Amino acid sequence: MVDVFSGRLLVSRDGRSVDPEEALQNKVVGLYFSAGWCSSCRDFTPVLCDFYTELLEETEPPAPFEVVFISSDHSAEEMVGYMHAMHGDWLALPFHDPYKHDLKKKYNITAIPKLVIVKQTGEVITDKGRKQIRDKGRSCFRNWLESADIFQNFSS
């Protein structure tokens, strides 16, 4: 992910700046393209929250997984409100960062919500993260991990 977010900062849910190199190193990353005004997004976000919580808080050791929210909200205030109201404790690209347009182009985002699961290099593991989580629950993470070339003991 160093390649994808090189030279940028991400923000945490509580507004802290986060170095992506540190936060995303050796993790499977879900790029979550979403917005608070989108009803399908508001429907899926709690499902993603539960998935994220199960992987990070209910497994030992915590799963090497992180979500980065890329907002399609209409304003920074909308984005922050959506993050506080519905999101898990994951990261986000700052609202005013124009890089979100490059990411949407790079990952061919034509509709939201979209959860693209990527390797450390930014290479796509699947662009059907949302469907896989809905269909398979936590078990889909093992497949992502095997595809991600991250070697860590993880059991689901």
Protein backbone atom coordinates (compact mmCIF):
# COMPACT_ATOMS: atom_id res chain seq x y z
CA MET A 1 0.00 0.00 0.00
CA VAL A 2 3.03 2.17 0.22
CA ASP A 3 2.77 2.55 -3.56
CA VAL A 4 -0.90 3.45 -3.54
CA PHE A 5 -0.81 6.06 -0.76
CA SER A 6 2.82 7.13 -1.07
CA GLY A 7 3.42 10.67 0.14
CA ARG A 8 -0.11 11.04 1.52
CA LEU A 9 -1.68 11.01 4.94
CA LEU A 10 -4.82 9.18 5.95
CA VAL A 11 -7.11 10.17 8.79
CA SER A 12 -8.55 8.06 11.57
CA ARG A 13 -12.17 8.16 12.62
CA ASP A 14 -11.24 10.54 15.45
CA GLY A 15 -9.47 12.91 13.04
CA ARG A 16 -5.83 12.02 13.71
CA SER A 17 -3.41 12.00 10.78
CA VAL A 18 -2.05 8.53 10.11
CA ASP A 19 0.99 7.47 8.11
CA PRO A 20 -0.32 4.90 5.60
CA GLU A 21 3.07 3.20 5.36
CA GLU A 22 2.87 2.29 9.04
CA ALA A 23 -0.85 1.62 9.27
CA LEU A 24 -1.20 -0.54 6.16
CA GLN A 25 2.07 -2.45 6.17
CA ASN A 26 1.64 -6.21 5.79
CA LYS A 27 -2.13 -6.00 5.67
CA VAL A 28 -4.87 -6.89 3.27
CA VAL A 29 -6.59 -3.59 2.53
CA GLY A 30 -10.20 -2.94 1.66
CA LEU A 31 -10.71 0.27 -0.28
CA TYR A 32 -14.26 1.25 0.65
CA PHE A 33 -15.87 3.65 -1.82
CA SER A 34 -19.00 4.90 -0.11
CA ALA A 35 -21.07 7.92 1.02
CA GLY A 36 -23.53 8.72 3.77
CA TRP A 37 -26.24 9.89 1.34
CA CYS A 38 -26.24 6.49 -0.43
CA SER A 39 -28.87 4.12 0.98
CA SER A 40 -27.08 0.99 -0.29
CA CYS A 41 -23.93 2.24 1.45
CA ARG A 42 -25.82 2.83 4.69
CA ASP A 43 -27.18 -0.70 4.35
CA PHE A 44 -23.74 -2.32 3.86
CA THR A 45 -21.61 -0.21 6.22
CA PRO A 46 -22.88 -1.93 9.43
CA VAL A 47 -22.15 -5.32 7.81
CA LEU A 48 -18.59 -4.16 7.04
CA CYS A 49 -18.29 -2.85 10.63
CA ASP A 50 -19.21 -6.24 12.06
CA PHE A 51 -16.82 -8.02 9.68
CA TYR A 52 -13.99 -5.62 10.61
CA THR A 53 -14.66 -5.95 14.35
CA GLU A 54 -14.76 -9.75 14.17
CA LEU A 55 -11.45 -9.88 12.29
CA LEU A 56 -9.60 -7.38 14.47
CA GLU A 57 -11.08 -7.86 17.92
CA GLU A 58 -12.31 -11.43 18.00
CA THR A 59 -9.37 -13.27 16.48
CA GLU A 60 -6.00 -13.93 18.05
CA PRO A 61 -3.76 -12.53 16.75
CA PRO A 62 -5.86 -9.77 15.12
CA ALA A 63 -6.25 -10.29 11.38
CA PRO A 64 -3.93 -8.28 9.12
CA PHE A 65 -6.79 -6.28 7.63
CA GLU A 66 -7.50 -2.57 7.27
CA VAL A 67 -10.20 -0.54 5.57
CA VAL A 68 -9.57 2.80 3.88
CA PHE A 69 -12.72 4.82 3.22
CA ILE A 70 -12.78 6.89 0.05
CA SER A 71 -15.69 9.28 0.37
CA SER A 72 -18.22 10.30 -2.24
CA ASP A 73 -19.98 12.54 0.27
CA HIS A 74 -20.92 16.08 -0.77
CA SER A 75 -18.89 17.83 1.94
CA ALA A 76 -16.21 17.20 4.54
CA GLU A 77 -18.89 17.65 7.24
CA GLU A 78 -21.06 14.94 5.65
CA MET A 79 -18.06 12.62 5.48
CA VAL A 80 -17.16 13.16 9.14
CA GLY A 81 -20.79 12.73 10.20
CA TYR A 82 -21.06 9.45 8.28
CA MET A 83 -17.77 8.20 9.73
CA HIS A 84 -18.85 9.00 13.30
CA ALA A 85 -22.37 7.65 12.89
CA MET A 86 -21.70 4.39 11.05
CA HIS A 87 -18.07 3.51 10.45
CA GLY A 88 -15.78 1.12 12.22
CA ASP A 89 -12.48 2.35 13.59
CA TRP A 90 -10.88 2.37 10.18
CA LEU A 91 -9.00 4.94 8.12
CA ALA A 92 -10.03 7.39 5.42
CA LEU A 93 -8.52 9.46 2.67
CA PRO A 94 -9.07 13.10 3.69
CA PHE A 95 -12.15 14.59 2.01
CA HIS A 96 -10.31 17.34 0.17
CA ASP A 97 -7.59 15.06 -1.22
CA PRO A 98 -8.09 15.08 -5.02
CA TYR A 99 -6.39 11.67 -5.14
CA LYS A 100 -9.81 10.09 -4.55
CA HIS A 101 -10.62 10.79 -8.21
CA ASP A 102 -7.47 8.94 -9.31
CA LEU A 103 -8.38 5.98 -7.09
CA LYS A 104 -11.90 5.84 -8.53
CA LYS A 105 -10.43 5.80 -12.02
CA LYS A 106 -7.69 3.29 -11.18
CA TYR A 107 -10.16 0.83 -9.62
CA ASN A 108 -12.92 1.51 -12.15
CA ILE A 109 -15.49 2.69 -9.60
CA THR A 110 -18.72 3.46 -11.43
CA ALA A 111 -21.17 2.95 -8.56
CA ILE A 112 -21.08 2.85 -4.77
CA PRO A 113 -20.83 1.14 -2.40
CA LYS A 114 -17.80 -0.72 -3.67
CA LEU A 115 -15.28 -2.63 -1.57
CA VAL A 116 -12.10 -3.39 -3.50
CA ILE A 117 -9.70 -5.75 -1.73
CA VAL A 118 -6.08 -5.11 -2.65
CA LYS A 119 -2.59 -6.45 -2.03
CA GLN A 120 0.24 -4.37 -0.64
CA THR A 121 1.14 -3.39 -4.19
CA GLY A 122 -2.36 -2.04 -4.84
CA GLU A 123 -3.07 -4.96 -7.16
CA VAL A 124 -6.71 -6.09 -6.95
CA ILE A 125 -7.49 -9.34 -5.14
CA THR A 126 -11.22 -8.84 -5.75
CA ASP A 127 -13.53 -5.97 -6.55
CA LYS A 128 -16.42 -7.98 -5.11
CA GLY A 129 -15.56 -7.59 -1.44
CA ARG A 130 -19.08 -6.50 -0.55
CA LYS A 131 -20.71 -9.54 -2.16
CA GLN A 132 -18.13 -11.93 -0.69
CA ILE A 133 -18.64 -10.59 2.84
CA ARG A 134 -22.42 -10.88 2.46
CA ASP A 135 -22.20 -14.41 0.99
CA LYS A 136 -19.35 -15.95 2.98
CA GLY A 137 -18.86 -13.80 6.08
CA ARG A 138 -15.50 -13.98 7.78
CA SER A 139 -14.37 -17.03 5.82
CA CYS A 140 -13.72 -14.93 2.68
CA PHE A 141 -10.83 -13.27 4.50
CA ARG A 142 -8.71 -16.44 4.33
CA ASN A 143 -8.93 -16.43 0.51
CA TRP A 144 -7.94 -12.77 0.40
CA LEU A 145 -5.02 -13.43 2.73
CA GLU A 146 -3.77 -16.31 0.58
CA SER A 147 -3.95 -14.09 -2.50
CA ALA A 148 -2.24 -11.18 -0.77
CA ASP A 149 1.17 -12.84 -0.33
CA ILE A 150 1.24 -11.88 3.34
CA PHE A 151 2.65 -14.60 5.50
CA GLN A 152 1.13 -14.58 8.92
CA ASN A 153 -0.63 -17.12 11.07
CA PHE A 154 -4.30 -16.39 10.90
CA SER A 155 -7.18 -18.71 11.57
CA SER A 156 -10.80 -17.86 10.99
